[in-house]
Amino acid sequence: MKFVISTNTPDGPLSYQTVSPEIALARAKVLAETWRQDVTIQDMNGRVYDLDAFDTCFVRSGSDGVVPGS
Protein backbone atom coordinates (compact mmCIF):
# COMPACT_ATOMS: atom_id res chain seq x y z
CA MET A 1 0.00 0.00 0.00
CA LYS A 2 1.28 3.48 -0.83
CA PHE A 3 1.15 6.40 1.64
CA VAL A 4 1.72 10.12 1.04
CA ILE A 5 2.87 12.26 3.96
CA SER A 6 2.16 15.97 3.49
CA THR A 7 2.70 19.25 5.31
CA ASN A 8 3.20 22.92 4.56
CA THR A 9 6.54 24.61 5.21
CA PRO A 10 7.54 28.28 4.99
CA ASP A 11 8.86 27.42 1.50
CA GLY A 12 5.63 25.74 0.38
CA PRO A 13 4.06 22.28 0.41
CA LEU A 14 6.20 19.24 1.13
CA SER A 15 5.25 15.60 0.48
CA TYR A 16 6.92 12.20 0.75
CA GLN A 17 5.79 8.76 -0.43
CA THR A 18 6.41 5.38 1.17
CA VAL A 19 4.90 1.89 1.16
CA SER A 20 5.52 1.23 4.86
CA PRO A 21 2.99 2.46 7.43
CA GLU A 22 5.69 2.49 10.13
CA ILE A 23 7.97 4.66 8.01
CA ALA A 24 5.05 6.91 7.05
CA LEU A 25 4.22 7.51 10.71
CA ALA A 26 7.85 8.07 11.69
CA ARG A 27 8.37 10.56 8.84
CA ALA A 28 5.14 12.36 9.71
CA LYS A 29 6.19 12.72 13.36
CA VAL A 30 9.56 14.18 12.33
CA LEU A 31 7.86 16.65 10.00
CA ALA A 32 5.38 17.67 12.69
CA GLU A 33 8.20 18.29 15.16
CA THR A 34 10.39 20.09 12.62
CA TRP A 35 7.82 22.39 11.02
CA ARG A 36 5.26 22.68 13.84
CA GLN A 37 2.55 22.34 11.22
CA ASP A 38 -0.31 19.95 10.69
CA VAL A 39 0.88 16.81 8.97
CA THR A 40 -1.42 14.39 7.20
CA ILE A 41 -1.00 10.91 5.77
CA GLN A 42 -3.06 9.87 2.77
CA ASP A 43 -3.56 6.26 1.77
CA MET A 44 -3.78 4.99 -1.82
CA ASN A 45 -7.59 5.22 -1.67
CA GLY A 46 -7.45 8.95 -0.96
CA ARG A 47 -8.37 8.76 2.72
CA VAL A 48 -6.57 11.39 4.78
CA TYR A 49 -5.52 10.71 8.39
CA ASP A 50 -4.01 12.79 11.17
CA LEU A 51 -1.13 11.13 13.02
CA ASP A 52 -3.19 9.60 15.85
CA ALA A 53 -5.85 8.18 13.52
CA PHE A 54 -3.19 6.74 11.21
CA ASP A 55 -1.33 5.17 14.12
CA THR A 56 -4.54 3.54 15.34
CA CYS A 57 -5.60 2.27 11.90
CA PHE A 58 -2.29 1.09 10.44
CA VAL A 59 0.52 0.80 12.98
CA ARG A 60 -0.85 -0.36 16.33
CA SER A 61 -1.84 -3.98 15.98
CA GLY A 62 -3.65 -4.42 19.28
CA SER A 63 -1.68 -7.64 19.77
CA ASP A 64 0.03 -6.19 22.81
CA GLY A 65 -3.11 -6.77 24.86
CA VAL A 66 -4.07 -3.11 25.03
CA VAL A 67 -7.53 -2.31 23.75
CA PRO A 68 -7.64 1.05 21.93
CA GLY A 69 -9.64 3.61 23.87
CA SER A 70 -9.23 1.95 27.23
PDB file of N, CA and C in Angstrom:
ATOM      1  N   MET A   1       0.853  -1.171   0.000  1.00  0.00           N
ATOM      2  CA  MET A   1       0.000   0.000   0.000  1.00  0.00           C
ATOM      3  C   MET A   1       0.899   1.235   0.000  1.00  0.00           C
ATOM      4  N   LYS A   2       0.500   2.253  -0.730  1.00  0.00           N
ATOM      5  CA  LYS A   2       1.279   3.483  -0.829  1.00  0.00           C
ATOM      6  C   LYS A   2       0.681   4.536   0.102  1.00  0.00           C
ATOM      7  N   PHE A   3       1.567   5.327   0.757  1.00  0.00           N
ATOM      8  CA  PHE A   3       1.146   6.404   1.636  1.00  0.00           C
ATOM      9  C   PHE A   3       1.855   7.689   1.232  1.00  0.00           C
ATOM     10  N   VAL A   4       1.142   8.811   1.321  1.00  0.00           N
ATOM     11  CA  VAL A   4       1.722  10.118   1.036  1.00  0.00           C
ATOM     12  C   VAL A   4       1.638  10.947   2.311  1.00  0.00           C
ATOM     13  N   ILE A   5       2.779  11.430   2.767  1.00  0.00           N
ATOM     14  CA  ILE A   5       2.874  12.258   3.961  1.00  0.00           C
ATOM     15  C   ILE A   5       3.018  13.695   3.481  1.00  0.00           C
ATOM     16  N   SER A   6       2.163  14.594   3.981  1.00  0.00           N
ATOM     17  CA  SER A   6       2.164  15.971   3.491  1.00  0.00           C
ATOM     18  C   SER A   6       2.102  16.981   4.622  1.00  0.00           C
ATOM     19  N   THR A   7       2.770  18.109   4.402  1.00  0.00           N
ATOM     20  CA  THR A   7       2.697  19.249   5.314  1.00  0.00           C
ATOM     21  C   THR A   7       3.007  20.508   4.520  1.00  0.00           C
ATOM     22  N   ASN A   8       2.819  21.639   5.152  1.00  0.00           N
ATOM     23  CA  ASN A   8       3.200  22.918   4.560  1.00  0.00           C
ATOM     24  C   ASN A   8       4.385  23.467   5.339  1.00  0.00           C
ATOM     25  N   THR A   9       5.356  24.005   4.614  1.00  0.00           N
ATOM     26  CA  THR A   9       6.537  24.613   5.213  1.00  0.00           C
ATOM     27  C   THR A   9       6.549  26.091   4.827  1.00  0.00           C
ATOM     28  N   PRO A  10       7.433  26.875   5.412  1.00  0.00           N
ATOM     29  CA  PRO A  10       7.536  28.280   4.986  1.00  0.00           C
ATOM     30  C   PRO A  10       7.878  28.425   3.503  1.00  0.00           C
ATOM     31  N   ASP A  11       8.503  27.388   2.924  1.00  0.00           N
ATOM     32  CA  ASP A  11       8.863  27.420   1.502  1.00  0.00           C
ATOM     33  C   ASP A  11       7.792  26.823   0.597  1.00  0.00           C
ATOM     34  N   GLY A  12       6.705  26.318   1.175  1.00  0.00           N
ATOM     35  CA  GLY A  12       5.633  25.739   0.375  1.00  0.00           C
ATOM     36  C   GLY A  12       5.327  24.312   0.810  1.00  0.00           C
ATOM     37  N   PRO A  13       4.448  23.644   0.062  1.00  0.00           N
ATOM     38  CA  PRO A  13       4.059  22.277   0.411  1.00  0.00           C
ATOM     39  C   PRO A  13       5.223  21.296   0.285  1.00  0.00           C
ATOM     40  N   LEU A  14       5.179  20.270   1.138  1.00  0.00           N
ATOM     41  CA  LEU A  14       6.204  19.237   1.127  1.00  0.00           C
ATOM     42  C   LEU A  14       5.513  17.893   1.281  1.00  0.00           C
ATOM     43  N   SER A  15       5.858  16.924   0.424  1.00  0.00           N
ATOM     44  CA  SER A  15       5.250  15.597   0.476  1.00  0.00           C
ATOM     45  C   SER A  15       6.304  14.527   0.269  1.00  0.00           C
ATOM     46  N   TYR A  16       6.079  13.380   0.918  1.00  0.00           N
ATOM     47  CA  TYR A  16       6.915  12.196   0.754  1.00  0.00           C
ATOM     48  C   TYR A  16       6.002  11.004   0.488  1.00  0.00           C
ATOM     49  N   GLN A  17       6.534   9.994  -0.197  1.00  0.00           N
ATOM     50  CA  GLN A  17       5.788   8.762  -0.432  1.00  0.00           C
ATOM     51  C   GLN A  17       6.556   7.587   0.157  1.00  0.00           C
ATOM     52  N   THR A  18       5.811   6.613   0.666  1.00  0.00           N
ATOM     53  CA  THR A  18       6.407   5.381   1.169  1.00  0.00           C
ATOM     54  C   THR A  18       5.366   4.267   1.092  1.00  0.00           C
ATOM     55  N   VAL A  19       5.816   3.032   1.156  1.00  0.00           N
ATOM     56  CA  VAL A  19       4.902   1.893   1.161  1.00  0.00           C
ATOM     57  C   VAL A  19       4.768   1.286   2.556  1.00  0.00           C
ATOM     58  N   SER A  20       5.547   1.764   3.504  1.00  0.00           N
ATOM     59  CA  SER A  20       5.525   1.227   4.859  1.00  0.00           C
ATOM     60  C   SER A  20       4.734   2.135   5.798  1.00  0.00           C
ATOM     61  N   PRO A  21       3.721   1.618   6.490  1.00  0.00           N
ATOM     62  CA  PRO A  21       2.986   2.460   7.434  1.00  0.00           C
ATOM     63  C   PRO A  21       3.858   2.918   8.596  1.00  0.00           C
ATOM     64  N   GLU A  22       4.795   2.094   9.038  1.00  0.00           N
ATOM     65  CA  GLU A  22       5.686   2.491  10.130  1.00  0.00           C
ATOM     66  C   GLU A  22       6.590   3.650   9.720  1.00  0.00           C
ATOM     67  N   ILE A  23       7.117   3.573   8.510  1.00  0.00           N
ATOM     68  CA  ILE A  23       7.971   4.657   8.011  1.00  0.00           C
ATOM     69  C   ILE A  23       7.139   5.910   7.779  1.00  0.00           C
ATOM     70  N   ALA A  24       5.927   5.756   7.268  1.00  0.00           N
ATOM     71  CA  ALA A  24       5.053   6.909   7.053  1.00  0.00           C
ATOM     72  C   ALA A  24       4.796   7.638   8.363  1.00  0.00           C
ATOM     73  N   LEU A  25       4.488   6.897   9.415  1.00  0.00           N
ATOM     74  CA  LEU A  25       4.217   7.515  10.710  1.00  0.00           C
ATOM     75  C   LEU A  25       5.469   8.176  11.279  1.00  0.00           C
ATOM     76  N   ALA A  26       6.605   7.501  11.181  1.00  0.00           N
ATOM     77  CA  ALA A  26       7.853   8.070  11.690  1.00  0.00           C
ATOM     78  C   ALA A  26       8.201   9.361  10.952  1.00  0.00           C
ATOM     79  N   ARG A  27       8.075   9.358   9.638  1.00  0.00           N
ATOM     80  CA  ARG A  27       8.373  10.559   8.841  1.00  0.00           C
ATOM     81  C   ARG A  27       7.412  11.687   9.199  1.00  0.00           C
ATOM     82  N   ALA A  28       6.142  11.355   9.361  1.00  0.00           N
ATOM     83  CA  ALA A  28       5.139  12.363   9.713  1.00  0.00           C
ATOM     84  C   ALA A  28       5.440  12.991  11.072  1.00  0.00           C
ATOM     85  N   LYS A  29       5.858  12.179  12.034  1.00  0.00           N
ATOM     86  CA  LYS A  29       6.188  12.715  13.358  1.00  0.00           C
ATOM     87  C   LYS A  29       7.381  13.665  13.291  1.00  0.00           C
ATOM     88  N   VAL A  30       8.394  13.308  12.493  1.00  0.00           N
ATOM     89  CA  VAL A  30       9.561  14.180  12.329  1.00  0.00           C
ATOM     90  C   VAL A  30       9.142  15.497  11.678  1.00  0.00           C
ATOM     91  N   LEU A  31       8.322  15.423  10.651  1.00  0.00           N
ATOM     92  CA  LEU A  31       7.858  16.651   9.997  1.00  0.00           C
ATOM     93  C   LEU A  31       7.051  17.517  10.946  1.00  0.00           C
ATOM     94  N   ALA A  32       6.194  16.904  11.740  1.00  0.00           N
ATOM     95  CA  ALA A  32       5.376  17.666  12.691  1.00  0.00           C
ATOM     96  C   ALA A  32       6.266  18.368  13.718  1.00  0.00           C
ATOM     97  N   GLU A  33       7.295  17.692  14.190  1.00  0.00           N
ATOM     98  CA  GLU A  33       8.203  18.294  15.158  1.00  0.00           C
ATOM     99  C   GLU A  33       9.065  19.380  14.528  1.00  0.00           C
ATOM    100  N   THR A  34       9.502  19.148  13.304  1.00  0.00           N
ATOM    101  CA  THR A  34      10.386  20.092  12.621  1.00  0.00           C
ATOM    102  C   THR A  34       9.668  21.370  12.221  1.00  0.00           C
ATOM    103  N   TRP A  35       8.513  21.243  11.593  1.00  0.00           N
ATOM    104  CA  TRP A  35       7.825  22.394  11.019  1.00  0.00           C
ATOM    105  C   TRP A  35       6.708  22.951  11.892  1.00  0.00           C
ATOM    106  N   ARG A  36       6.335  22.219  12.953  1.00  0.00           N
ATOM    107  CA  ARG A  36       5.257  22.679  13.845  1.00  0.00           C
ATOM    108  C   ARG A  36       3.987  22.996  13.064  1.00  0.00           C
ATOM    109  N   GLN A  37       3.721  22.187  12.074  1.00  0.00           N
ATOM    110  CA  GLN A  37       2.550  22.341  11.220  1.00  0.00           C
ATOM    111  C   GLN A  37       1.734  21.058  11.276  1.00  0.00           C
ATOM    112  N   ASP A  38       0.493  21.155  10.824  1.00  0.00           N
ATOM    113  CA  ASP A  38      -0.310  19.947  10.691  1.00  0.00           C
ATOM    114  C   ASP A  38       0.299  19.062   9.613  1.00  0.00           C
ATOM    115  N   VAL A  39       0.362  17.793   9.918  1.00  0.00           N
ATOM    116  CA  VAL A  39       0.876  16.805   8.970  1.00  0.00           C
ATOM    117  C   VAL A  39      -0.222  15.781   8.755  1.00  0.00           C
ATOM    118  N   THR A  40      -0.421  15.402   7.510  1.00  0.00           N
ATOM    119  CA  THR A  40      -1.421  14.389   7.198  1.00  0.00           C
ATOM    120  C   THR A  40      -0.766  13.242   6.433  1.00  0.00           C
ATOM    121  N   ILE A  41      -1.422  12.081   6.528  1.00  0.00           N
ATOM    122  CA  ILE A  41      -0.996  10.910   5.767  1.00  0.00           C
ATOM    123  C   ILE A  41      -2.195  10.444   4.958  1.00  0.00           C
ATOM    124  N   GLN A  42      -1.992  10.300   3.670  1.00  0.00           N
ATOM    125  CA  GLN A  42      -3.062   9.872   2.769  1.00  0.00           C
ATOM    126  C   GLN A  42      -2.756   8.473   2.274  1.00  0.00           C
ATOM    127  N   ASP A  43      -3.777   7.600   2.292  1.00  0.00           N
ATOM    128  CA  ASP A  43      -3.560   6.256   1.766  1.00  0.00           C
ATOM    129  C   ASP A  43      -3.851   6.236   0.266  1.00  0.00           C
ATOM    130  N   MET A  44      -3.630   5.081  -0.359  1.00  0.00           N
ATOM    131  CA  MET A  44      -3.776   4.992  -1.819  1.00  0.00           C
ATOM    132  C   MET A  44      -5.228   5.121  -2.275  1.00  0.00           C
ATOM    133  N   ASN A  45      -6.182   5.038  -1.332  1.00  0.00           N
ATOM    134  CA  ASN A  45      -7.589   5.220  -1.670  1.00  0.00           C
ATOM    135  C   ASN A  45      -8.046   6.662  -1.510  1.00  0.00           C
ATOM    136  N   GLY A  46      -7.127   7.544  -1.106  1.00  0.00           N
ATOM    137  CA  GLY A  46      -7.447   8.950  -0.964  1.00  0.00           C
ATOM    138  C   GLY A  46      -7.920   9.357   0.421  1.00  0.00           C
ATOM    139  N   ARG A  47      -7.975   8.413   1.347  1.00  0.00           N
ATOM    140  CA  ARG A  47      -8.370   8.761   2.717  1.00  0.00           C
ATOM    141  C   ARG A  47      -7.225   9.489   3.397  1.00  0.00           C
ATOM    142  N   VAL A  48      -7.576  10.571   4.112  1.00  0.00           N
ATOM    143  CA  VAL A  48      -6.573  11.390   4.783  1.00  0.00           C
ATOM    144  C   VAL A  48      -6.706  11.195   6.288  1.00  0.00           C
ATOM    145  N   TYR A  49      -5.566  10.980   6.953  1.00  0.00           N
ATOM    146  CA  TYR A  49      -5.518  10.712   8.388  1.00  0.00           C
ATOM    147  C   TYR A  49      -4.608  11.705   9.090  1.00  0.00           C
ATOM    148  N   ASP A  50      -4.983  12.090  10.332  1.00  0.00           N
ATOM    149  CA  ASP A  50      -4.014  12.788  11.165  1.00  0.00           C
ATOM    150  C   ASP A  50      -3.127  11.706  11.787  1.00  0.00           C
ATOM    151  N   LEU A  51      -2.106  12.113  12.527  1.00  0.00           N
ATOM    152  CA  LEU A  51      -1.131  11.130  13.025  1.00  0.00           C
ATOM    153  C   LEU A  51      -1.745  10.103  13.971  1.00  0.00           C
ATOM    154  N   ASP A  52      -2.592  10.543  14.902  1.00  0.00           N
ATOM    155  CA  ASP A  52      -3.192   9.602  15.849  1.00  0.00           C
ATOM    156  C   ASP A  52      -4.106   8.601  15.161  1.00  0.00           C
ATOM    157  N   ALA A  53      -4.929   9.076  14.236  1.00  0.00           N
ATOM    158  CA  ALA A  53      -5.845   8.184  13.523  1.00  0.00           C
ATOM    159  C   ALA A  53      -5.066   7.180  12.675  1.00  0.00           C
ATOM    160  N   PHE A  54      -4.006   7.634  12.032  1.00  0.00           N
ATOM    161  CA  PHE A  54      -3.193   6.740  11.207  1.00  0.00           C
ATOM    162  C   PHE A  54      -2.532   5.679  12.074  1.00  0.00           C
ATOM    163  N   ASP A  55      -1.986   6.106  13.205  1.00  0.00           N
ATOM    164  CA  ASP A  55      -1.333   5.168  14.116  1.00  0.00           C
ATOM    165  C   ASP A  55      -2.319   4.093  14.557  1.00  0.00           C
ATOM    166  N   THR A  56      -3.524   4.486  14.897  1.00  0.00           N
ATOM    167  CA  THR A  56      -4.544   3.539  15.338  1.00  0.00           C
ATOM    168  C   THR A  56      -4.949   2.576  14.218  1.00  0.00           C
ATOM    169  N   CYS A  57      -5.108   3.090  13.018  1.00  0.00           N
ATOM    170  CA  CYS A  57      -5.597   2.266  11.902  1.00  0.00           C
ATOM    171  C   CYS A  57      -4.538   1.359  11.282  1.00  0.00           C
ATOM    172  N   PHE A  58      -3.288   1.821  11.218  1.00  0.00           N
ATOM    173  CA  PHE A  58      -2.289   1.095  10.439  1.00  0.00           C
ATOM    174  C   PHE A  58      -1.113   0.553  11.227  1.00  0.00           C
ATOM    175  N   VAL A  59      -0.725   1.180  12.326  1.00  0.00           N
ATOM    176  CA  VAL A  59       0.522   0.800  12.980  1.00  0.00           C
ATOM    177  C   VAL A  59       0.274  -0.031  14.226  1.00  0.00           C
ATOM    178  N   ARG A  60      -0.570   0.414  15.113  1.00  0.00           N
ATOM    179  CA  ARG A  60      -0.853  -0.358  16.331  1.00  0.00           C
ATOM    180  C   ARG A  60      -1.656  -1.585  15.965  1.00  0.00           C
ATOM    181  N   SER A  61      -1.168  -2.736  16.370  1.00  0.00           N
ATOM    182  CA  SER A  61      -1.840  -3.975  15.983  1.00  0.00           C
ATOM    183  C   SER A  61      -2.859  -4.437  17.003  1.00  0.00           C
ATOM    184  N   GLY A  62      -2.758  -3.937  18.238  1.00  0.00           N
ATOM    185  CA  GLY A  62      -3.650  -4.424  19.282  1.00  0.00           C
ATOM    186  C   GLY A  62      -3.189  -5.755  19.855  1.00  0.00           C
ATOM    187  N   SER A  63      -2.144  -6.348  19.302  1.00  0.00           N
ATOM    188  CA  SER A  63      -1.680  -7.644  19.765  1.00  0.00           C
ATOM    189  C   SER A  63      -0.917  -7.547  21.083  1.00  0.00           C
ATOM    190  N   ASP A  64      -0.675  -6.332  21.549  1.00  0.00           N
ATOM    191  CA  ASP A  64       0.031  -6.186  22.811  1.00  0.00           C
ATOM    192  C   ASP A  64      -0.897  -6.269  24.004  1.00  0.00           C
ATOM    193  N   GLY A  65      -2.155  -6.591  23.777  1.00  0.00           N
ATOM    194  CA  GLY A  65      -3.109  -6.772  24.857  1.00  0.00           C
ATOM    195  C   GLY A  65      -3.810  -5.499  25.273  1.00  0.00           C
ATOM    196  N   VAL A  66      -3.433  -4.366  24.691  1.00  0.00           N
ATOM    197  CA  VAL A  66      -4.065  -3.105  25.028  1.00  0.00           C
ATOM    198  C   VAL A  66      -5.201  -2.861  24.060  1.00  0.00           C
ATOM    199  N   VAL A  67      -6.363  -2.603  24.583  1.00  0.00           N
ATOM    200  CA  VAL A  67      -7.527  -2.314  23.748  1.00  0.00           C
ATOM    201  C   VAL A  67      -7.573  -0.815  23.491  1.00  0.00           C
ATOM    202  N   PRO A  68      -7.588  -0.378  22.213  1.00  0.00           N
ATOM    203  CA  PRO A  68      -7.639   1.054  21.927  1.00  0.00           C
ATOM    204  C   PRO A  68      -8.834   1.701  22.619  1.00  0.00           C
ATOM    205  N   GLY A  69      -8.579   2.876  23.215  1.00  0.00           N
ATOM    206  CA  GLY A  69      -9.643   3.614  23.867  1.00  0.00           C
ATOM    207  C   GLY A  69      -9.850   3.246  25.321  1.00  0.00           C
ATOM    208  N   SER A  70      -9.053   2.315  25.833  1.00  0.00           N
ATOM    209  CA  SER A  70      -9.235   1.947  27.233  1.00  0.00           C
ATOM    210  C   SER A  70      -8.189   2.587  28.106  1.00  0.00           C
TER     211      SER A  70
END
